[in-house]
Amino acid sequence: MHFYFIKKQNLHDFDKMFIYKFPRMIFSTIVMGTILYFTLGFFSEQFDYNESWKIVYLFIIVSISLLIYFFVSNFSGAFKLKDIKLR
């Protein structure tokens, strides 16, 4: 349904480059989600109610997942780091 409205209003042009990169983006997202799931399971004891370092562990888990996503995306060709424009 989302695809239909995007095409109907000409909001995005699905060219060959997008079709080439889309499965790679999905693969990167699946790898990142799997790593996030397993690291949350690995650090589950640190998220007890009385633990005072919960935010540090959560920050570490999210940072690891983000780095894995960027590494896999860059390695698989989903995007290049120079494609990210911060300004």
PDB file of N, CA and C in Angstrom:
ATOM      1  N   MET A   1       0.832  -1.180   0.000  1.00  0.00           N
ATOM      2  CA  MET A   1       0.000   0.000   0.000  1.00  0.00           C
ATOM      3  C   MET A   1       0.883   1.252   0.000  1.00  0.00           C
ATOM      4  N   HIS A   2       1.936   1.206   0.795  1.00  0.00           N
ATOM      5  CA  HIS A   2       2.861   2.335   0.850  1.00  0.00           C
ATOM      6  C   HIS A   2       3.509   2.553  -0.522  1.00  0.00           C
ATOM      7  N   PHE A   3       3.913   1.463  -1.165  1.00  0.00           N
ATOM      8  CA  PHE A   3       4.507   1.543  -2.499  1.00  0.00           C
ATOM      9  C   PHE A   3       3.535   2.160  -3.497  1.00  0.00           C
ATOM     10  N   TYR A   4       2.263   1.798  -3.408  1.00  0.00           N
ATOM     11  CA  TYR A   4       1.239   2.317  -4.314  1.00  0.00           C
ATOM     12  C   TYR A   4       1.127   3.838  -4.190  1.00  0.00           C
ATOM     13  N   PHE A   5       1.063   4.359  -2.974  1.00  0.00           N
ATOM     14  CA  PHE A   5       0.922   5.799  -2.779  1.00  0.00           C
ATOM     15  C   PHE A   5       2.187   6.559  -3.177  1.00  0.00           C
ATOM     16  N   ILE A   6       3.336   5.950  -2.975  1.00  0.00           N
ATOM     17  CA  ILE A   6       4.582   6.591  -3.398  1.00  0.00           C
ATOM     18  C   ILE A   6       4.624   6.705  -4.919  1.00  0.00           C
ATOM     19  N   LYS A   7       4.270   5.630  -5.621  1.00  0.00           N
ATOM     20  CA  LYS A   7       4.255   5.665  -7.085  1.00  0.00           C
ATOM     21  C   LYS A   7       3.164   6.582  -7.623  1.00  0.00           C
ATOM     22  N   LYS A   8       2.010   6.597  -6.984  1.00  0.00           N
ATOM     23  CA  LYS A   8       0.889   7.410  -7.456  1.00  0.00           C
ATOM     24  C   LYS A   8       1.210   8.897  -7.376  1.00  0.00           C
ATOM     25  N   GLN A   9       1.893   9.319  -6.317  1.00  0.00           N
ATOM     26  CA  GLN A   9       2.205  10.728  -6.137  1.00  0.00           C
ATOM     27  C   GLN A   9       3.591  11.095  -6.663  1.00  0.00           C
ATOM     28  N   ASN A  10       4.288  10.153  -7.309  1.00  0.00           N
ATOM     29  CA  ASN A  10       5.638  10.374  -7.856  1.00  0.00           C
ATOM     30  C   ASN A  10       6.598  10.928  -6.811  1.00  0.00           C
ATOM     31  N   LEU A  11       6.609  10.332  -5.624  1.00  0.00           N
ATOM     32  CA  LEU A  11       7.497  10.786  -4.561  1.00  0.00           C
ATOM     33  C   LEU A  11       8.879  10.162  -4.658  1.00  0.00           C
ATOM     34  N   HIS A  12       8.983   9.010  -5.295  1.00  0.00           N
ATOM     35  CA  HIS A  12      10.279   8.338  -5.405  1.00  0.00           C
ATOM     36  C   HIS A  12      10.323   7.574  -6.714  1.00  0.00           C
ATOM     37  N   ASP A  13      11.469   7.584  -7.350  1.00  0.00           N
ATOM     38  CA  ASP A  13      11.667   6.834  -8.584  1.00  0.00           C
ATOM     39  C   ASP A  13      12.482   5.596  -8.262  1.00  0.00           C
ATOM     40  N   PHE A  14      11.885   4.434  -8.400  1.00  0.00           N
ATOM     41  CA  PHE A  14      12.561   3.183  -8.103  1.00  0.00           C
ATOM     42  C   PHE A  14      13.388   2.771  -9.310  1.00  0.00           C
ATOM     43  N   ASP A  15      14.629   3.238  -9.352  1.00  0.00           N
ATOM     44  CA  ASP A  15      15.506   2.947 -10.474  1.00  0.00           C
ATOM     45  C   ASP A  15      16.282   1.654 -10.236  1.00  0.00           C
ATOM     46  N   LYS A  16      17.156   1.322 -11.168  1.00  0.00           N
ATOM     47  CA  LYS A  16      17.922   0.082 -11.068  1.00  0.00           C
ATOM     48  C   LYS A  16      18.871   0.096  -9.871  1.00  0.00           C
ATOM     49  N   MET A  17      19.398   1.258  -9.519  1.00  0.00           N
ATOM     50  CA  MET A  17      20.311   1.337  -8.382  1.00  0.00           C
ATOM     51  C   MET A  17      19.589   1.010  -7.081  1.00  0.00           C
ATOM     52  N   PHE A  18      18.352   1.500  -6.940  1.00  0.00           N
ATOM     53  CA  PHE A  18      17.581   1.193  -5.737  1.00  0.00           C
ATOM     54  C   PHE A  18      17.277  -0.293  -5.663  1.00  0.00           C
ATOM     55  N   ILE A  19      16.885  -0.883  -6.791  1.00  0.00           N
ATOM     56  CA  ILE A  19      16.572  -2.307  -6.812  1.00  0.00           C
ATOM     57  C   ILE A  19      17.823  -3.128  -6.523  1.00  0.00           C
ATOM     58  N   TYR A  20      18.982  -2.646  -6.935  1.00  0.00           N
ATOM     59  CA  TYR A  20      20.244  -3.325  -6.654  1.00  0.00           C
ATOM     60  C   TYR A  20      20.607  -3.244  -5.169  1.00  0.00           C
ATOM     61  N   LYS A  21      20.369  -2.086  -4.552  1.00  0.00           N
ATOM     62  CA  LYS A  21      20.792  -1.868  -3.166  1.00  0.00           C
ATOM     63  C   LYS A  21      19.780  -2.333  -2.127  1.00  0.00           C
ATOM     64  N   PHE A  22      18.512  -2.440  -2.481  1.00  0.00           N
ATOM     65  CA  PHE A  22      17.476  -2.766  -1.499  1.00  0.00           C
ATOM     66  C   PHE A  22      17.689  -4.113  -0.811  1.00  0.00           C
ATOM     67  N   PRO A  23      17.987  -5.206  -1.528  1.00  0.00           N
ATOM     68  CA  PRO A  23      18.235  -6.476  -0.812  1.00  0.00           C
ATOM     69  C   PRO A  23      19.449  -6.395   0.108  1.00  0.00           C
ATOM     70  N   ARG A  24      20.433  -5.616  -0.248  1.00  0.00           N
ATOM     71  CA  ARG A  24      21.612  -5.444   0.596  1.00  0.00           C
ATOM     72  C   ARG A  24      21.272  -4.674   1.871  1.00  0.00           C
ATOM     73  N   MET A  25      20.377  -3.696   1.749  1.00  0.00           N
ATOM     74  CA  MET A  25      19.917  -2.968   2.933  1.00  0.00           C
ATOM     75  C   MET A  25      19.132  -3.893   3.865  1.00  0.00           C
ATOM     76  N   ILE A  26      18.278  -4.723   3.285  1.00  0.00           N
ATOM     77  CA  ILE A  26      17.505  -5.681   4.090  1.00  0.00           C
ATOM     78  C   ILE A  26      18.440  -6.661   4.784  1.00  0.00           C
ATOM     79  N   PHE A  27      19.444  -7.165   4.068  1.00  0.00           N
ATOM     80  CA  PHE A  27      20.426  -8.083   4.656  1.00  0.00           C
ATOM     81  C   PHE A  27      21.162  -7.414   5.818  1.00  0.00           C
ATOM     82  N   SER A  28      21.585  -6.161   5.636  1.00  0.00           N
ATOM     83  CA  SER A  28      22.288  -5.439   6.704  1.00  0.00           C
ATOM     84  C   SER A  28      21.397  -5.257   7.922  1.00  0.00           C
ATOM     85  N   THR A  29      20.129  -4.972   7.687  1.00  0.00           N
ATOM     86  CA  THR A  29      19.185  -4.786   8.786  1.00  0.00           C
ATOM     87  C   THR A  29      18.948  -6.090   9.538  1.00  0.00           C
ATOM     88  N   ILE A  30      18.870  -7.193   8.809  1.00  0.00           N
ATOM     89  CA  ILE A  30      18.665  -8.497   9.459  1.00  0.00           C
ATOM     90  C   ILE A  30      19.884  -8.869  10.300  1.00  0.00           C
ATOM     91  N   VAL A  31      21.085  -8.634   9.777  1.00  0.00           N
ATOM     92  CA  VAL A  31      22.307  -8.933  10.539  1.00  0.00           C
ATOM     93  C   VAL A  31      22.365  -8.066  11.791  1.00  0.00           C
ATOM     94  N   MET A  32      22.071  -6.767  11.651  1.00  0.00           N
ATOM     95  CA  MET A  32      22.102  -5.876  12.806  1.00  0.00           C
ATOM     96  C   MET A  32      21.066  -6.297  13.852  1.00  0.00           C
ATOM     97  N   GLY A  33      19.864  -6.656  13.412  1.00  0.00           N
ATOM     98  CA  GLY A  33      18.826  -7.089  14.344  1.00  0.00           C
ATOM     99  C   GLY A  33      19.200  -8.363  15.069  1.00  0.00           C
ATOM    100  N   THR A  34      19.841  -9.283  14.360  1.00  0.00           N
ATOM    101  CA  THR A  34      20.285 -10.530  14.983  1.00  0.00           C
ATOM    102  C   THR A  34      21.357 -10.262  16.030  1.00  0.00           C
ATOM    103  N   ILE A  35      22.319  -9.423  15.697  1.00  0.00           N
ATOM    104  CA  ILE A  35      23.373  -9.053  16.657  1.00  0.00           C
ATOM    105  C   ILE A  35      22.763  -8.350  17.866  1.00  0.00           C
ATOM    106  N   LEU A  36      21.821  -7.452  17.623  1.00  0.00           N
ATOM    107  CA  LEU A  36      21.153  -6.749  18.725  1.00  0.00           C
ATOM    108  C   LEU A  36      20.399  -7.725  19.624  1.00  0.00           C
ATOM    109  N   TYR A  37      19.703  -8.676  19.025  1.00  0.00           N
ATOM    110  CA  TYR A  37      18.945  -9.666  19.794  1.00  0.00           C
ATOM    111  C   TYR A  37      19.871 -10.506  20.674  1.00  0.00           C
ATOM    112  N   PHE A  38      20.970 -10.993  20.102  1.00  0.00           N
ATOM    113  CA  PHE A  38      21.873 -11.846  20.872  1.00  0.00           C
ATOM    114  C   PHE A  38      22.651 -11.068  21.934  1.00  0.00           C
ATOM    115  N   THR A  39      23.021  -9.829  21.644  1.00  0.00           N
ATOM    116  CA  THR A  39      23.731  -9.051  22.674  1.00  0.00           C
ATOM    117  C   THR A  39      22.792  -8.666  23.813  1.00  0.00           C
ATOM    118  N   LEU A  40      21.531  -8.414  23.514  1.00  0.00           N
ATOM    119  CA  LEU A  40      20.579  -8.163  24.600  1.00  0.00           C
ATOM    120  C   LEU A  40      20.408  -9.402  25.472  1.00  0.00           C
ATOM    121  N   GLY A  41      20.403 -10.571  24.856  1.00  0.00           N
ATOM    122  CA  GLY A  41      20.327 -11.815  25.627  1.00  0.00           C
ATOM    123  C   GLY A  41      21.575 -12.050  26.449  1.00  0.00           C
ATOM    124  N   PHE A  42      22.731 -11.700  25.877  1.00  0.00           N
ATOM    125  CA  PHE A  42      23.999 -11.893  26.571  1.00  0.00           C
ATOM    126  C   PHE A  42      24.116 -10.972  27.791  1.00  0.00           C
ATOM    127  N   PHE A  43      23.628  -9.736  27.664  1.00  0.00           N
ATOM    128  CA  PHE A  43      23.714  -8.766  28.759  1.00  0.00           C
ATOM    129  C   PHE A  43      22.440  -8.697  29.595  1.00  0.00           C
ATOM    130  N   SER A  44      21.583  -9.695  29.515  1.00  0.00           N
ATOM    131  CA  SER A  44      20.289  -9.620  30.202  1.00  0.00           C
ATOM    132  C   SER A  44      20.426  -9.533  31.723  1.00  0.00           C
ATOM    133  N   GLU A  45      21.468 -10.126  32.290  1.00  0.00           N
ATOM    134  CA  GLU A  45      21.651 -10.053  33.744  1.00  0.00           C
ATOM    135  C   GLU A  45      21.987  -8.632  34.194  1.00  0.00           C
ATOM    136  N   GLN A  46      22.566  -7.833  33.315  1.00  0.00           N
ATOM    137  CA  GLN A  46      22.948  -6.472  33.678  1.00  0.00           C
ATOM    138  C   GLN A  46      21.760  -5.511  33.669  1.00  0.00           C
ATOM    139  N   PHE A  47      20.613  -5.972  33.197  1.00  0.00           N
ATOM    140  CA  PHE A  47      19.433  -5.105  33.161  1.00  0.00           C
ATOM    141  C   PHE A  47      18.477  -5.379  34.321  1.00  0.00           C
ATOM    142  N   ASP A  48      18.984  -5.917  35.415  1.00  0.00           N
ATOM    143  CA  ASP A  48      18.164  -6.111  36.601  1.00  0.00           C
ATOM    144  C   ASP A  48      17.755  -4.757  37.175  1.00  0.00           C
ATOM    145  N   TYR A  49      16.745  -4.792  38.021  1.00  0.00           N
ATOM    146  CA  TYR A  49      16.211  -3.552  38.583  1.00  0.00           C
ATOM    147  C   TYR A  49      17.244  -2.822  39.423  1.00  0.00           C
ATOM    148  N   ASN A  50      18.073  -3.531  40.155  1.00  0.00           N
ATOM    149  CA  ASN A  50      19.026  -2.913  41.069  1.00  0.00           C
ATOM    150  C   ASN A  50      20.346  -2.528  40.406  1.00  0.00           C
ATOM    151  N   GLU A  51      20.544  -2.875  39.156  1.00  0.00           N
ATOM    152  CA  GLU A  51      21.808  -2.580  38.462  1.00  0.00           C
ATOM    153  C   GLU A  51      21.884  -1.090  38.146  1.00  0.00           C
ATOM    154  N   SER A  52      23.009  -0.471  38.497  1.00  0.00           N
ATOM    155  CA  SER A  52      23.139   0.974  38.291  1.00  0.00           C
ATOM    156  C   SER A  52      23.801   1.334  36.964  1.00  0.00           C
ATOM    157  N   TRP A  53      24.367   0.371  36.252  1.00  0.00           N
ATOM    158  CA  TRP A  53      25.074   0.652  35.003  1.00  0.00           C
ATOM    159  C   TRP A  53      24.246   0.269  33.769  1.00  0.00           C
ATOM    160  N   LYS A  54      22.921   0.248  33.901  1.00  0.00           N
ATOM    161  CA  LYS A  54      22.065  -0.178  32.793  1.00  0.00           C
ATOM    162  C   LYS A  54      22.250   0.691  31.557  1.00  0.00           C
ATOM    163  N   ILE A  55      22.359   1.995  31.731  1.00  0.00           N
ATOM    164  CA  ILE A  55      22.476   2.905  30.601  1.00  0.00           C
ATOM    165  C   ILE A  55      23.795   2.690  29.854  1.00  0.00           C
ATOM    166  N   VAL A  56      24.848   2.357  30.580  1.00  0.00           N
ATOM    167  CA  VAL A  56      26.146   2.110  29.946  1.00  0.00           C
ATOM    168  C   VAL A  56      26.080   0.841  29.100  1.00  0.00           C
ATOM    169  N   TYR A  57      25.490  -0.217  29.639  1.00  0.00           N
ATOM    170  CA  TYR A  57      25.352  -1.458  28.887  1.00  0.00           C
ATOM    171  C   TYR A  57      24.465  -1.270  27.658  1.00  0.00           C
ATOM    172  N   LEU A  58      23.387  -0.515  27.817  1.00  0.00           N
ATOM    173  CA  LEU A  58      22.508  -0.258  26.684  1.00  0.00           C
ATOM    174  C   LEU A  58      23.224   0.550  25.606  1.00  0.00           C
ATOM    175  N   PHE A  59      24.000   1.542  26.014  1.00  0.00           N
ATOM    176  CA  PHE A  59      24.775   2.330  25.066  1.00  0.00           C
ATOM    177  C   PHE A  59      25.792   1.459  24.322  1.00  0.00           C
ATOM    178  N   ILE A  60      26.434   0.546  25.026  1.00  0.00           N
ATOM    179  CA  ILE A  60      27.404  -0.367  24.403  1.00  0.00           C
ATOM    180  C   ILE A  60      26.706  -1.265  23.388  1.00  0.00           C
ATOM    181  N   ILE A  61      25.556  -1.797  23.741  1.00  0.00           N
ATOM    182  CA  ILE A  61      24.819  -2.693  22.854  1.00  0.00           C
ATOM    183  C   ILE A  61      24.381  -1.957  21.585  1.00  0.00           C
ATOM    184  N   VAL A  62      23.839  -0.773  21.741  1.00  0.00           N
ATOM    185  CA  VAL A  62      23.381  -0.005  20.583  1.00  0.00           C
ATOM    186  C   VAL A  62      24.571   0.408  19.715  1.00  0.00           C
ATOM    187  N   SER A  63      25.669   0.788  20.334  1.00  0.00           N
ATOM    188  CA  SER A  63      26.865   1.176  19.572  1.00  0.00           C
ATOM    189  C   SER A  63      27.423   0.003  18.778  1.00  0.00           C
ATOM    190  N   ILE A  64      27.479  -1.164  19.383  1.00  0.00           N
ATOM    191  CA  ILE A  64      27.960  -2.363  18.673  1.00  0.00           C
ATOM    192  C   ILE A  64      27.042  -2.672  17.491  1.00  0.00           C
ATOM    193  N   SER A  65      25.736  -2.605  17.701  1.00  0.00           N
ATOM    194  CA  SER A  65      24.792  -2.884  16.624  1.00  0.00           C
ATOM    195  C   SER A  65      24.923  -1.874  15.490  1.00  0.00           C
ATOM    196  N   LEU A  66      25.101  -0.615  15.828  1.00  0.00           N
ATOM    197  CA  LEU A  66      25.259   0.428  14.815  1.00  0.00           C
ATOM    198  C   LEU A  66      26.542   0.234  14.013  1.00  0.00           C
ATOM    199  N   LEU A  67      27.623  -0.085  14.681  1.00  0.00           N
ATOM    200  CA  LEU A  67      28.881  -0.333  13.983  1.00  0.00           C
ATOM    201  C   LEU A  67      28.792  -1.560  13.081  1.00  0.00           C
ATOM    202  N   ILE A  68      28.148  -2.604  13.541  1.00  0.00           N
ATOM    203  CA  ILE A  68      27.945  -3.799  12.723  1.00  0.00           C
ATOM    204  C   ILE A  68      27.108  -3.453  11.489  1.00  0.00           C
ATOM    205  N   TYR A  69      26.062  -2.643  11.665  1.00  0.00           N
ATOM    206  CA  TYR A  69      25.223  -2.253  10.538  1.00  0.00           C
ATOM    207  C   TYR A  69      26.030  -1.478   9.502  1.00  0.00           C
ATOM    208  N   PHE A  70      26.816  -0.498   9.947  1.00  0.00           N
ATOM    209  CA  PHE A  70      27.616   0.272   9.005  1.00  0.00           C
ATOM    210  C   PHE A  70      28.663  -0.597   8.316  1.00  0.00           C
ATOM    211  N   PHE A  71      29.286  -1.498   9.043  1.00  0.00           N
ATOM    212  CA  PHE A  71      30.303  -2.370   8.463  1.00  0.00           C
ATOM    213  C   PHE A  71      29.688  -3.302   7.418  1.00  0.00           C
ATOM    214  N   VAL A  72      28.580  -3.954   7.756  1.00  0.00           N
ATOM    215  CA  VAL A  72      27.945  -4.885   6.823  1.00  0.00           C
ATOM    216  C   VAL A  72      27.379  -4.137   5.619  1.00  0.00           C
ATOM    217  N   SER A  73      26.780  -2.970   5.844  1.00  0.00           N
ATOM    218  CA  SER A  73      26.245  -2.187   4.731  1.00  0.00           C
ATOM    219  C   SER A  73      27.346  -1.736   3.787  1.00  0.00           C
ATOM    220  N   ASN A  74      28.441  -1.294   4.335  1.00  0.00           N
ATOM    221  CA  ASN A  74      29.549  -0.848   3.508  1.00  0.00           C
ATOM    222  C   ASN A  74      30.186  -2.026   2.780  1.00  0.00           C
ATOM    223  N   PHE A  75      30.340  -3.159   3.463  1.00  0.00           N
ATOM    224  CA  PHE A  75      30.950  -4.337   2.864  1.00  0.00           C
ATOM    225  C   PHE A  75      30.063  -4.947   1.778  1.00  0.00           C
ATOM    226  N   SER A  76      28.741  -4.960   1.994  1.00  0.00           N
ATOM    227  CA  SER A  76      27.834  -5.565   1.019  1.00  0.00           C
ATOM    228  C   SER A  76      27.524  -4.637  -0.148  1.00  0.00           C
ATOM    229  N   GLY A  77      27.828  -3.377  -0.025  1.00  0.00           N
ATOM    230  CA  GLY A  77      27.572  -2.441  -1.116  1.00  0.00           C
ATOM    231  C   GLY A  77      26.230  -1.760  -1.024  1.00  0.00           C
ATOM    232  N   ALA A  78      25.573  -1.821   0.115  1.00  0.00           N
ATOM    233  CA  ALA A  78      24.291  -1.134   0.271  1.00  0.00           C
ATOM    234  C   ALA A  78      24.488   0.371   0.190  1.00  0.00           C
ATOM    235  N   PHE A  79      25.551   0.856   0.758  1.00  0.00           N
ATOM    236  CA  PHE A  79      25.953   2.251   0.612  1.00  0.00           C
ATOM    237  C   PHE A  79      27.418   2.375   0.968  1.00  0.00           C
ATOM    238  N   LYS A  80      27.968   3.511   0.637  1.00  0.00           N
ATOM    239  CA  LYS A  80      29.350   3.796   0.982  1.00  0.00           C
ATOM    240  C   LYS A  80      29.360   4.895   2.030  1.00  0.00           C
ATOM    241  N   LEU A  81      30.379   4.906   2.845  1.00  0.00           N
ATOM    242  CA  LEU A  81      30.434   5.908   3.907  1.00  0.00           C
ATOM    243  C   LEU A  81      30.493   7.323   3.346  1.00  0.00           C
ATOM    244  N   LYS A  82      31.024   7.492   2.145  1.00  0.00           N
ATOM    245  CA  LYS A  82      31.061   8.829   1.562  1.00  0.00           C
ATOM    246  C   LYS A  82      29.688   9.272   1.051  1.00  0.00           C
ATOM    247  N   ASP A  83      28.718   8.334   0.941  1.00  0.00           N
ATOM    248  CA  ASP A  83      27.361   8.686   0.528  1.00  0.00           C
ATOM    249  C   ASP A  83      26.606   9.414   1.633  1.00  0.00           C
ATOM    250  N   ILE A  84      27.059   9.277   2.864  1.00  0.00           N
ATOM    251  CA  ILE A  84      26.401   9.934   3.991  1.00  0.00           C
ATOM    252  C   ILE A  84      26.885  11.371   4.057  1.00  0.00           C
ATOM    253  N   LYS A  85      25.974  12.302   3.830  1.00  0.00           N
ATOM    254  CA  LYS A  85      26.314  13.708   3.869  1.00  0.00           C
ATOM    255  C   LYS A  85      25.718  14.318   5.135  1.00  0.00           C
ATOM    256  N   LEU A  86      26.573  14.780   6.013  1.00  0.00           N
ATOM    257  CA  LEU A  86      26.105  15.334   7.267  1.00  0.00           C
ATOM    258  C   LEU A  86      25.787  16.823   7.156  1.00  0.00           C
ATOM    259  N   ARG A  87      26.288  17.469   6.141  1.00  0.00           N
ATOM    260  CA  ARG A  87      26.020  18.905   5.975  1.00  0.00           C
ATOM    261  C   ARG A  87      25.183  19.169   4.768  1.00  0.00           C
TER     262      ARG A  87
END
